[in-house]
PDB file of N, CA and C in Angstrom:
ATOM      1  N   MET A   1       1.697 -77.095  37.945  1.00  0.00           N
ATOM      2  CA  MET A   1       0.938 -76.926  39.116  1.00  0.00           C
ATOM      3  C   MET A   1      -0.565 -76.099  38.658  1.00  0.00           C
ATOM      4  N   PRO A   2      -1.540 -76.665  38.887  1.00  0.00           N
ATOM      5  CA  PRO A   2      -2.762 -76.235  38.164  1.00  0.00           C
ATOM      6  C   PRO A   2      -3.256 -74.548  38.735  1.00  0.00           C
ATOM      7  N   ARG A   3      -3.639 -74.072  37.567  1.00  0.00           N
ATOM      8  CA  ARG A   3      -4.085 -72.728  37.576  1.00  0.00           C
ATOM      9  C   ARG A   3      -5.151 -72.496  38.338  1.00  0.00           C
ATOM     10  N   LYS A   4      -5.466 -71.295  38.968  1.00  0.00           N
ATOM     11  CA  LYS A   4      -6.340 -71.292  39.960  1.00  0.00           C
ATOM     12  C   LYS A   4      -7.495 -70.438  39.035  1.00  0.00           C
ATOM     13  N   LYS A   5      -8.797 -70.861  39.121  1.00  0.00           N
ATOM     14  CA  LYS A   5     -10.330 -70.515  38.148  1.00  0.00           C
ATOM     15  C   LYS A   5     -10.187 -68.984  38.744  1.00  0.00           C
ATOM     16  N   THR A   6     -10.303 -67.886  38.184  1.00  0.00           N
ATOM     17  CA  THR A   6     -10.995 -66.324  38.527  1.00  0.00           C
ATOM     18  C   THR A   6     -11.736 -66.172  38.002  1.00  0.00           C
ATOM     19  N   ASN A   7     -12.660 -66.963  36.613  1.00  0.00           N
ATOM     20  CA  ASN A   7     -13.830 -66.249  36.366  1.00  0.00           C
ATOM     21  C   ASN A   7     -14.821 -67.646  36.844  1.00  0.00           C
ATOM     22  N   PRO A   8     -15.609 -67.121  37.559  1.00  0.00           N
ATOM     23  CA  PRO A   8     -16.819 -68.475  38.228  1.00  0.00           C
ATOM     24  C   PRO A   8     -17.428 -68.999  36.836  1.00  0.00           C
ATOM     25  N   ARG A   9     -17.679 -68.125  35.826  1.00  0.00           N
ATOM     26  CA  ARG A   9     -18.148 -68.799  34.553  1.00  0.00           C
ATOM     27  C   ARG A   9     -17.518 -70.333  33.959  1.00  0.00           C
ATOM     28  N   VAL A  10     -16.171 -70.223  33.821  1.00  0.00           N
ATOM     29  CA  VAL A  10     -15.472 -71.029  33.310  1.00  0.00           C
ATOM     30  C   VAL A  10     -15.579 -72.528  34.223  1.00  0.00           C
ATOM     31  N   GLY A  11     -15.823 -73.224  33.107  1.00  0.00           N
ATOM     32  CA  GLY A  11     -16.130 -74.672  33.633  1.00  0.00           C
ATOM     33  C   GLY A  11     -17.352 -74.921  33.947  1.00  0.00           C
ATOM     34  N   SER A  12     -18.152 -74.116  34.381  1.00  0.00           N
ATOM     35  CA  SER A  12     -19.781 -74.132  34.610  1.00  0.00           C
ATOM     36  C   SER A  12     -20.468 -74.530  33.151  1.00  0.00           C
ATOM     37  N   GLU A  13     -21.704 -75.256  33.833  1.00  0.00           N
ATOM     38  CA  GLU A  13     -22.373 -75.858  32.602  1.00  0.00           C
ATOM     39  C   GLU A  13     -23.124 -74.988  31.558  1.00  0.00           C
ATOM     40  N   PHE A  14     -23.247 -75.335  30.194  1.00  0.00           N
ATOM     41  CA  PHE A  14     -24.177 -74.141  29.826  1.00  0.00           C
ATOM     42  C   PHE A  14     -25.632 -73.942  30.581  1.00  0.00           C
ATOM     43  N   GLU A  15     -26.037 -74.728  30.882  1.00  0.00           N
ATOM     44  CA  GLU A  15     -27.428 -74.496  31.739  1.00  0.00           C
ATOM     45  C   GLU A  15     -27.431 -73.874  32.665  1.00  0.00           C
ATOM     46  N   ASP A  16     -26.225 -73.462  33.232  1.00  0.00           N
ATOM     47  CA  ASP A  16     -26.212 -73.039  34.293  1.00  0.00           C
ATOM     48  C   ASP A  16     -25.941 -71.091  33.944  1.00  0.00           C
ATOM     49  N   PHE A  17     -25.394 -71.267  32.738  1.00  0.00           N
ATOM     50  CA  PHE A  17     -24.900 -70.003  31.917  1.00  0.00           C
ATOM     51  C   PHE A  17     -26.034 -69.294  31.460  1.00  0.00           C
ATOM     52  N   LEU A  18     -27.109 -70.323  31.095  1.00  0.00           N
ATOM     53  CA  LEU A  18     -28.426 -69.932  30.655  1.00  0.00           C
ATOM     54  C   LEU A  18     -29.637 -69.659  31.561  1.00  0.00           C
ATOM     55  N   ALA A  19     -29.084 -70.163  32.800  1.00  0.00           N
ATOM     56  CA  ALA A  19     -30.214 -69.863  33.969  1.00  0.00           C
ATOM     57  C   ALA A  19     -29.435 -68.301  34.612  1.00  0.00           C
ATOM     58  N   GLN A  20     -28.365 -68.341  34.683  1.00  0.00           N
ATOM     59  CA  GLN A  20     -27.933 -67.092  35.295  1.00  0.00           C
ATOM     60  C   GLN A  20     -28.096 -65.974  34.354  1.00  0.00           C
ATOM     61  N   ASP A  21     -28.265 -66.168  32.911  1.00  0.00           N
ATOM     62  CA  ASP A  21     -28.928 -64.991  32.079  1.00  0.00           C
ATOM     63  C   ASP A  21     -30.074 -64.944  31.898  1.00  0.00           C
ATOM     64  N   GLY A  22     -31.248 -65.681  32.556  1.00  0.00           N
ATOM     65  CA  GLY A  22     -32.125 -65.548  32.610  1.00  0.00           C
ATOM     66  C   GLY A  22     -32.980 -66.302  31.217  1.00  0.00           C
ATOM     67  N   ARG A  23     -32.506 -67.347  30.471  1.00  0.00           N
ATOM     68  CA  ARG A  23     -32.777 -67.728  29.254  1.00  0.00           C
ATOM     69  C   ARG A  23     -32.899 -69.023  29.558  1.00  0.00           C
ATOM     70  N   LEU A  24     -32.955 -69.962  30.577  1.00  0.00           N
ATOM     71  CA  LEU A  24     -33.044 -71.496  30.676  1.00  0.00           C
ATOM     72  C   LEU A  24     -34.114 -72.029  30.038  1.00  0.00           C
ATOM     73  N   GLU A  25     -35.553 -71.358  31.047  1.00  0.00           N
ATOM     74  CA  GLU A  25     -36.706 -71.509  30.411  1.00  0.00           C
ATOM     75  C   GLU A  25     -36.998 -71.657  29.263  1.00  0.00           C
ATOM     76  N   GLU A  26     -36.675 -70.488  28.593  1.00  0.00           N
ATOM     77  CA  GLU A  26     -37.225 -70.298  27.178  1.00  0.00           C
ATOM     78  C   GLU A  26     -36.020 -71.126  25.910  1.00  0.00           C
ATOM     79  N   SER A  27     -34.851 -71.229  26.403  1.00  0.00           N
ATOM     80  CA  SER A  27     -34.097 -72.176  25.501  1.00  0.00           C
ATOM     81  C   SER A  27     -34.804 -73.640  25.796  1.00  0.00           C
ATOM     82  N   THR A  28     -35.192 -74.446  26.956  1.00  0.00           N
ATOM     83  CA  THR A  28     -35.563 -75.763  27.406  1.00  0.00           C
ATOM     84  C   THR A  28     -36.726 -75.734  26.474  1.00  0.00           C
ATOM     85  N   ALA A  29     -37.576 -74.918  26.260  1.00  0.00           N
ATOM     86  CA  ALA A  29     -38.851 -75.127  25.901  1.00  0.00           C
ATOM     87  C   ALA A  29     -38.716 -75.149  24.370  1.00  0.00           C
ATOM     88  N   LEU A  30     -37.723 -74.366  23.994  1.00  0.00           N
ATOM     89  CA  LEU A  30     -37.576 -74.734  22.317  1.00  0.00           C
ATOM     90  C   LEU A  30     -36.857 -75.758  22.053  1.00  0.00           C
ATOM     91  N   ALA A  31     -35.937 -76.415  23.006  1.00  0.00           N
ATOM     92  CA  ALA A  31     -35.574 -77.518  22.582  1.00  0.00           C
ATOM     93  C   ALA A  31     -36.377 -78.750  22.525  1.00  0.00           C
ATOM     94  N   ILE A  32     -37.313 -78.839  23.611  1.00  0.00           N
ATOM     95  CA  ILE A  32     -38.376 -79.660  23.630  1.00  0.00           C
ATOM     96  C   ILE A  32     -39.314 -79.426  22.253  1.00  0.00           C
ATOM     97  N   LYS A  33     -39.733 -78.374  21.886  1.00  0.00           N
ATOM     98  CA  LYS A  33     -40.276 -78.048  20.769  1.00  0.00           C
ATOM     99  C   LYS A  33     -40.015 -78.825  19.454  1.00  0.00           C
ATOM    100  N   ARG A  34     -38.584 -78.481  19.188  1.00  0.00           N
ATOM    101  CA  ARG A  34     -37.631 -79.092  18.017  1.00  0.00           C
ATOM    102  C   ARG A  34     -37.920 -80.095  18.292  1.00  0.00           C
ATOM    103  N   VAL A  35     -37.460 -81.557  19.422  1.00  0.00           N
ATOM    104  CA  VAL A  35     -37.606 -82.801  19.379  1.00  0.00           C
ATOM    105  C   VAL A  35     -39.017 -83.011  18.621  1.00  0.00           C
ATOM    106  N   LEU A  36     -40.269 -82.418  19.767  1.00  0.00           N
ATOM    107  CA  LEU A  36     -41.581 -82.905  19.442  1.00  0.00           C
ATOM    108  C   LEU A  36     -41.641 -82.632  17.628  1.00  0.00           C
ATOM    109  N   ALA A  37     -41.347 -81.538  17.089  1.00  0.00           N
ATOM    110  CA  ALA A  37     -41.802 -81.309  16.113  1.00  0.00           C
ATOM    111  C   ALA A  37     -41.122 -82.267  15.012  1.00  0.00           C
ATOM    112  N   TRP A  38     -39.641 -82.669  15.313  1.00  0.00           N
ATOM    113  CA  TRP A  38     -39.121 -83.465  14.289  1.00  0.00           C
ATOM    114  C   TRP A  38     -39.807 -84.814  14.682  1.00  0.00           C
ATOM    115  N   GLU A  39     -40.261 -85.313  15.913  1.00  0.00           N
ATOM    116  CA  GLU A  39     -40.896 -86.604  16.138  1.00  0.00           C
ATOM    117  C   GLU A  39     -42.549 -86.719  15.356  1.00  0.00           C
ATOM    118  N   ILE A  40     -43.460 -85.773  15.170  1.00  0.00           N
ATOM    119  CA  ILE A  40     -44.194 -85.234  14.549  1.00  0.00           C
ATOM    120  C   ILE A  40     -44.308 -85.688  12.995  1.00  0.00           C
ATOM    121  N   GLU A  41     -42.695 -85.061  12.846  1.00  0.00           N
ATOM    122  CA  GLU A  41     -42.828 -85.291  11.091  1.00  0.00           C
ATOM    123  C   GLU A  41     -42.290 -86.355  10.843  1.00  0.00           C
ATOM    124  N   ARG A  42     -41.500 -87.094  11.589  1.00  0.00           N
ATOM    125  CA  ARG A  42     -41.091 -88.289  11.331  1.00  0.00           C
ATOM    126  C   ARG A  42     -41.977 -89.360  11.059  1.00  0.00           C
ATOM    127  N   ALA A  43     -42.943 -89.156  12.193  1.00  0.00           N
ATOM    128  CA  ALA A  43     -44.251 -90.181  12.276  1.00  0.00           C
ATOM    129  C   ALA A  43     -44.885 -89.811  10.816  1.00  0.00           C
ATOM    130  N   MET A  44     -45.250 -88.761  10.374  1.00  0.00           N
ATOM    131  CA  MET A  44     -46.031 -88.305   9.500  1.00  0.00           C
ATOM    132  C   MET A  44     -45.199 -89.165   8.484  1.00  0.00           C
ATOM    133  N   LYS A  45     -44.085 -88.714   8.110  1.00  0.00           N
ATOM    134  CA  LYS A  45     -43.046 -89.355   7.013  1.00  0.00           C
ATOM    135  C   LYS A  45     -43.491 -91.278   6.940  1.00  0.00           C
ATOM    136  N   GLN A  46     -43.417 -91.531   8.217  1.00  0.00           N
ATOM    137  CA  GLN A  46     -43.260 -93.251   8.303  1.00  0.00           C
ATOM    138  C   GLN A  46     -44.910 -93.680   7.955  1.00  0.00           C
ATOM    139  N   GLY A  47     -45.880 -92.883   8.061  1.00  0.00           N
ATOM    140  CA  GLY A  47     -47.259 -93.176   7.771  1.00  0.00           C
ATOM    141  C   GLY A  47     -47.823 -92.398   6.756  1.00  0.00           C
ATOM    142  N   ARG A  48     -46.825 -91.823   5.683  1.00  0.00           N
ATOM    143  CA  ARG A  48     -46.907 -91.313   4.491  1.00  0.00           C
ATOM    144  C   ARG A  48     -48.452 -90.559   4.664  1.00  0.00           C
ATOM    145  N   ILE A  49     -48.375 -89.843   5.613  1.00  0.00           N
ATOM    146  CA  ILE A  49     -49.736 -88.683   6.014  1.00  0.00           C
ATOM    147  C   ILE A  49     -49.315 -87.267   6.126  1.00  0.00           C
ATOM    148  N   SER A  50     -49.834 -86.618   4.936  1.00  0.00           N
ATOM    149  CA  SER A  50     -49.926 -84.908   4.758  1.00  0.00           C
ATOM    150  C   SER A  50     -50.051 -84.036   5.881  1.00  0.00           C
ATOM    151  N   GLN A  51     -49.654 -82.944   5.389  1.00  0.00           N
ATOM    152  CA  GLN A  51     -50.150 -82.335   6.701  1.00  0.00           C
ATOM    153  C   GLN A  51     -51.552 -81.826   6.835  1.00  0.00           C
ATOM    154  N   ALA A  52     -52.429 -81.679   5.212  1.00  0.00           N
ATOM    155  CA  ALA A  52     -53.975 -81.908   5.165  1.00  0.00           C
ATOM    156  C   ALA A  52     -54.268 -83.087   5.981  1.00  0.00           C
ATOM    157  N   GLU A  53     -53.633 -84.145   5.649  1.00  0.00           N
ATOM    158  CA  GLU A  53     -54.388 -85.770   5.844  1.00  0.00           C
ATOM    159  C   GLU A  53     -54.669 -85.213   7.621  1.00  0.00           C
ATOM    160  N   LEU A  54     -53.312 -85.005   8.246  1.00  0.00           N
ATOM    161  CA  LEU A  54     -53.211 -85.253   9.470  1.00  0.00           C
ATOM    162  C   LEU A  54     -54.425 -84.009   9.960  1.00  0.00           C
ATOM    163  N   ALA A  55     -54.581 -82.788   9.451  1.00  0.00           N
ATOM    164  CA  ALA A  55     -55.586 -81.926   9.862  1.00  0.00           C
ATOM    165  C   ALA A  55     -56.809 -82.402   9.835  1.00  0.00           C
ATOM    166  N   ARG A  56     -57.041 -83.602   8.827  1.00  0.00           N
ATOM    167  CA  ARG A  56     -58.482 -83.806   8.549  1.00  0.00           C
ATOM    168  C   ARG A  56     -58.714 -84.962   9.701  1.00  0.00           C
ATOM    169  N   ARG A  57     -57.593 -85.650  10.017  1.00  0.00           N
ATOM    170  CA  ARG A  57     -57.485 -86.909  10.904  1.00  0.00           C
ATOM    171  C   ARG A  57     -58.077 -86.177  12.602  1.00  0.00           C
ATOM    172  N   MET A  58     -57.104 -85.038  12.838  1.00  0.00           N
ATOM    173  CA  MET A  58     -57.343 -84.321  13.844  1.00  0.00           C
ATOM    174  C   MET A  58     -58.790 -83.354  14.234  1.00  0.00           C
ATOM    175  N   LYS A  59     -59.385 -83.309  12.980  1.00  0.00           N
ATOM    176  CA  LYS A  59     -60.746 -82.576  13.385  1.00  0.00           C
ATOM    177  C   LYS A  59     -59.985 -81.194  13.507  1.00  0.00           C
ATOM    178  N   THR A  60     -59.083 -80.504  12.473  1.00  0.00           N
ATOM    179  CA  THR A  60     -58.849 -79.098  12.565  1.00  0.00           C
ATOM    180  C   THR A  60     -58.402 -78.628  11.491  1.00  0.00           C
ATOM    181  N   SER A  61     -57.884 -77.625  11.933  1.00  0.00           N
ATOM    182  CA  SER A  61     -57.105 -76.702  10.541  1.00  0.00           C
ATOM    183  C   SER A  61     -55.782 -77.066  10.399  1.00  0.00           C
ATOM    184  N   ARG A  62     -55.290 -77.124   8.742  1.00  0.00           N
ATOM    185  CA  ARG A  62     -53.982 -76.786   8.568  1.00  0.00           C
ATOM    186  C   ARG A  62     -52.740 -76.459   9.617  1.00  0.00           C
ATOM    187  N   ALA A  63     -53.470 -75.067   9.591  1.00  0.00           N
ATOM    188  CA  ALA A  63     -52.579 -74.051  10.489  1.00  0.00           C
ATOM    189  C   ALA A  63     -52.255 -74.590  11.826  1.00  0.00           C
ATOM    190  N   VAL A  64     -53.280 -75.527  12.390  1.00  0.00           N
ATOM    191  CA  VAL A  64     -52.946 -75.909  13.876  1.00  0.00           C
ATOM    192  C   VAL A  64     -51.930 -76.822  13.363  1.00  0.00           C
ATOM    193  N   VAL A  65     -51.761 -77.968  12.341  1.00  0.00           N
ATOM    194  CA  VAL A  65     -50.642 -78.601  12.141  1.00  0.00           C
ATOM    195  C   VAL A  65     -49.148 -77.973  11.842  1.00  0.00           C
ATOM    196  N   HIS A  66     -49.433 -76.837  11.227  1.00  0.00           N
ATOM    197  CA  HIS A  66     -48.229 -76.009  11.016  1.00  0.00           C
ATOM    198  C   HIS A  66     -47.535 -75.608  12.268  1.00  0.00           C
ATOM    199  N   ARG A  67     -48.380 -75.142  13.178  1.00  0.00           N
ATOM    200  CA  ARG A  67     -47.828 -74.836  14.393  1.00  0.00           C
ATOM    201  C   ARG A  67     -47.128 -75.761  14.977  1.00  0.00           C
ATOM    202  N   LEU A  68     -47.332 -77.038  15.410  1.00  0.00           N
ATOM    203  CA  LEU A  68     -47.131 -78.264  15.646  1.00  0.00           C
ATOM    204  C   LEU A  68     -46.037 -78.507  14.828  1.00  0.00           C
ATOM    205  N   LEU A  69     -45.660 -78.590  13.801  1.00  0.00           N
ATOM    206  CA  LEU A  69     -44.480 -78.755  12.952  1.00  0.00           C
ATOM    207  C   LEU A  69     -43.522 -77.439  13.283  1.00  0.00           C
ATOM    208  N   ASP A  70     -44.041 -76.272  13.495  1.00  0.00           N
ATOM    209  CA  ASP A  70     -42.914 -74.937  13.711  1.00  0.00           C
ATOM    210  C   ASP A  70     -42.321 -75.145  14.978  1.00  0.00           C
ATOM    211  N   GLU A  71     -40.817 -75.786  14.861  1.00  0.00           N
ATOM    212  CA  GLU A  71     -39.953 -75.715  16.074  1.00  0.00           C
ATOM    213  C   GLU A  71     -39.480 -74.531  16.598  1.00  0.00           C
ATOM    214  N   THR A  72     -40.109 -73.520  15.869  1.00  0.00           N
ATOM    215  CA  THR A  72     -39.653 -72.080  17.050  1.00  0.00           C
ATOM    216  C   THR A  72     -41.164 -71.778  17.714  1.00  0.00           C
ATOM    217  N   ASP A  73     -42.313 -72.442  17.638  1.00  0.00           N
ATOM    218  CA  ASP A  73     -43.266 -72.009  18.266  1.00  0.00           C
ATOM    219  C   ASP A  73     -43.709 -72.975  19.355  1.00  0.00           C
ATOM    220  N   PRO A  74     -43.065 -72.461  20.677  1.00  0.00           N
ATOM    221  CA  PRO A  74     -43.266 -73.291  21.957  1.00  0.00           C
ATOM    222  C   PRO A  74     -44.972 -73.547  22.561  1.00  0.00           C
ATOM    223  N   SER A  75     -45.581 -72.839  21.644  1.00  0.00           N
ATOM    224  CA  SER A  75     -46.995 -72.610  22.297  1.00  0.00           C
ATOM    225  C   SER A  75     -48.070 -73.582  21.827  1.00  0.00           C
ATOM    226  N   VAL A  76     -47.625 -74.696  21.587  1.00  0.00           N
ATOM    227  CA  VAL A  76     -48.514 -75.835  21.385  1.00  0.00           C
ATOM    228  C   VAL A  76     -49.110 -76.275  23.057  1.00  0.00           C
ATOM    229  N   THR A  77     -50.460 -76.712  22.936  1.00  0.00           N
ATOM    230  CA  THR A  77     -50.941 -77.122  24.167  1.00  0.00           C
ATOM    231  C   THR A  77     -50.722 -78.974  24.016  1.00  0.00           C
ATOM    232  N   LEU A  78     -50.994 -79.288  25.351  1.00  0.00           N
ATOM    233  CA  LEU A  78     -50.769 -80.863  25.385  1.00  0.00           C
ATOM    234  C   LEU A  78     -51.840 -81.585  24.880  1.00  0.00           C
ATOM    235  N   ALA A  79     -53.053 -80.931  24.903  1.00  0.00           N
ATOM    236  CA  ALA A  79     -54.326 -81.303  24.299  1.00  0.00           C
ATOM    237  C   ALA A  79     -53.992 -81.397  22.743  1.00  0.00           C
ATOM    238  N   THR A  80     -53.598 -80.553  21.896  1.00  0.00           N
ATOM    239  CA  THR A  80     -53.134 -80.523  20.664  1.00  0.00           C
ATOM    240  C   THR A  80     -52.055 -81.682  20.549  1.00  0.00           C
ATOM    241  N   ILE A  81     -50.986 -81.759  21.079  1.00  0.00           N
ATOM    242  CA  ILE A  81     -49.791 -82.691  21.029  1.00  0.00           C
ATOM    243  C   ILE A  81     -50.823 -84.406  21.085  1.00  0.00           C
ATOM    244  N   ASN A  82     -51.531 -84.314  21.711  1.00  0.00           N
ATOM    245  CA  ASN A  82     -52.033 -85.579  22.346  1.00  0.00           C
ATOM    246  C   ASN A  82     -53.275 -85.902  20.922  1.00  0.00           C
ATOM    247  N   LYS A  83     -54.062 -85.044  20.340  1.00  0.00           N
ATOM    248  CA  LYS A  83     -54.821 -85.322  19.339  1.00  0.00           C
ATOM    249  C   LYS A  83     -54.047 -85.537  17.998  1.00  0.00           C
ATOM    250  N   ALA A  84     -52.684 -85.053  18.113  1.00  0.00           N
ATOM    251  CA  ALA A  84     -51.857 -85.412  16.595  1.00  0.00           C
ATOM    252  C   ALA A  84     -51.459 -86.659  16.870  1.00  0.00           C
ATOM    253  N   ALA A  85     -51.205 -87.209  18.181  1.00  0.00           N
ATOM    254  CA  ALA A  85     -50.378 -88.622  18.390  1.00  0.00           C
ATOM    255  C   ALA A  85     -51.105 -89.481  17.731  1.00  0.00           C
ATOM    256  N   THR A  86     -52.440 -89.533  18.272  1.00  0.00           N
ATOM    257  CA  THR A  86     -53.528 -90.879  17.749  1.00  0.00           C
ATOM    258  C   THR A  86     -53.510 -91.116  16.655  1.00  0.00           C
ATOM    259  N   PRO A  87     -53.995 -89.895  15.613  1.00  0.00           N
ATOM    260  CA  PRO A  87     -54.044 -90.456  14.344  1.00  0.00           C
ATOM    261  C   PRO A  87     -52.578 -90.942  13.562  1.00  0.00           C
ATOM    262  N   LEU A  88     -51.591 -90.737  14.547  1.00  0.00           N
ATOM    263  CA  LEU A  88     -50.270 -90.883  13.961  1.00  0.00           C
ATOM    264  C   LEU A  88     -49.966 -92.259  14.712  1.00  0.00           C
ATOM    265  N   GLY A  89     -50.759 -92.976  15.452  1.00  0.00           N
ATOM    266  CA  GLY A  89     -50.586 -94.194  15.738  1.00  0.00           C
ATOM    267  C   GLY A  89     -49.592 -94.009  17.201  1.00  0.00           C
ATOM    268  N   ARG A  90     -49.342 -92.982  17.595  1.00  0.00           N
ATOM    269  CA  ARG A  90     -48.309 -92.893  18.645  1.00  0.00           C
ATOM    270  C   ARG A  90     -49.023 -92.353  19.981  1.00  0.00           C
ATOM    271  N   THR A  91     -48.436 -92.505  20.995  1.00  0.00           N
ATOM    272  CA  THR A  91     -49.103 -92.067  22.350  1.00  0.00           C
ATOM    273  C   THR A  91     -47.997 -90.992  23.041  1.00  0.00           C
ATOM    274  N   VAL A  92     -48.340 -90.144  23.875  1.00  0.00           N
ATOM    275  CA  VAL A  92     -47.637 -89.025  24.710  1.00  0.00           C
ATOM    276  C   VAL A  92     -47.366 -89.436  25.679  1.00  0.00           C
ATOM    277  N   ARG A  93     -45.784 -89.577  26.203  1.00  0.00           N
ATOM    278  CA  ARG A  93     -45.168 -89.897  27.411  1.00  0.00           C
ATOM    279  C   ARG A  93     -44.679 -88.736  27.927  1.00  0.00           C
ATOM    280  N   LEU A  94     -45.076 -87.878  29.149  1.00  0.00           N
ATOM    281  CA  LEU A  94     -44.655 -87.018  29.704  1.00  0.00           C
ATOM    282  C   LEU A  94     -43.802 -87.448  31.085  1.00  0.00           C
ATOM    283  N   GLN A  95     -42.733 -86.732  31.114  1.00  0.00           N
ATOM    284  CA  GLN A  95     -41.845 -87.281  31.983  1.00  0.00           C
ATOM    285  C   GLN A  95     -41.103 -86.011  33.362  1.00  0.00           C
ATOM    286  N   PHE A  96     -41.053 -85.953  34.224  1.00  0.00           N
ATOM    287  CA  PHE A  96     -40.291 -84.919  34.870  1.00  0.00           C
ATOM    288  C   PHE A  96     -39.065 -85.812  35.395  1.00  0.00           C
ATOM    289  N   HIS A  97     -37.764 -85.114  35.462  1.00  0.00           N
ATOM    290  CA  HIS A  97     -36.581 -85.434  35.625  1.00  0.00           C
ATOM    291  C   HIS A  97     -36.184 -84.455  36.649  1.00  0.00           C
ATOM    292  N   ALA A  98     -35.349 -85.188  37.759  1.00  0.00           N
ATOM    293  CA  ALA A  98     -34.997 -84.341  38.815  1.00  0.00           C
ATOM    294  C   ALA A  98     -33.548 -83.593  38.181  1.00  0.00           C
TER     295      ALA A  98
END
């Protein structure tokens, strides 16, 4: 006979836990940033483009490129992301999911 669940969190999704704990938005932003940093770094390796060269092509500082690659810094703007994508031969596509 199945046991009755007494703990409302048992079996709930991890996202539900983060939402109840007030950390879902922060966790989601960091996850997105990690993927973004990984994608930029991968494109740089494929194109054999250094941080200094990407900064030059973006007409910005190496500090901006460093922030793009810092997976713990979610405060990068869409304009900066797009500015990095172009010299890497990439485009940015943003989607909302239900």
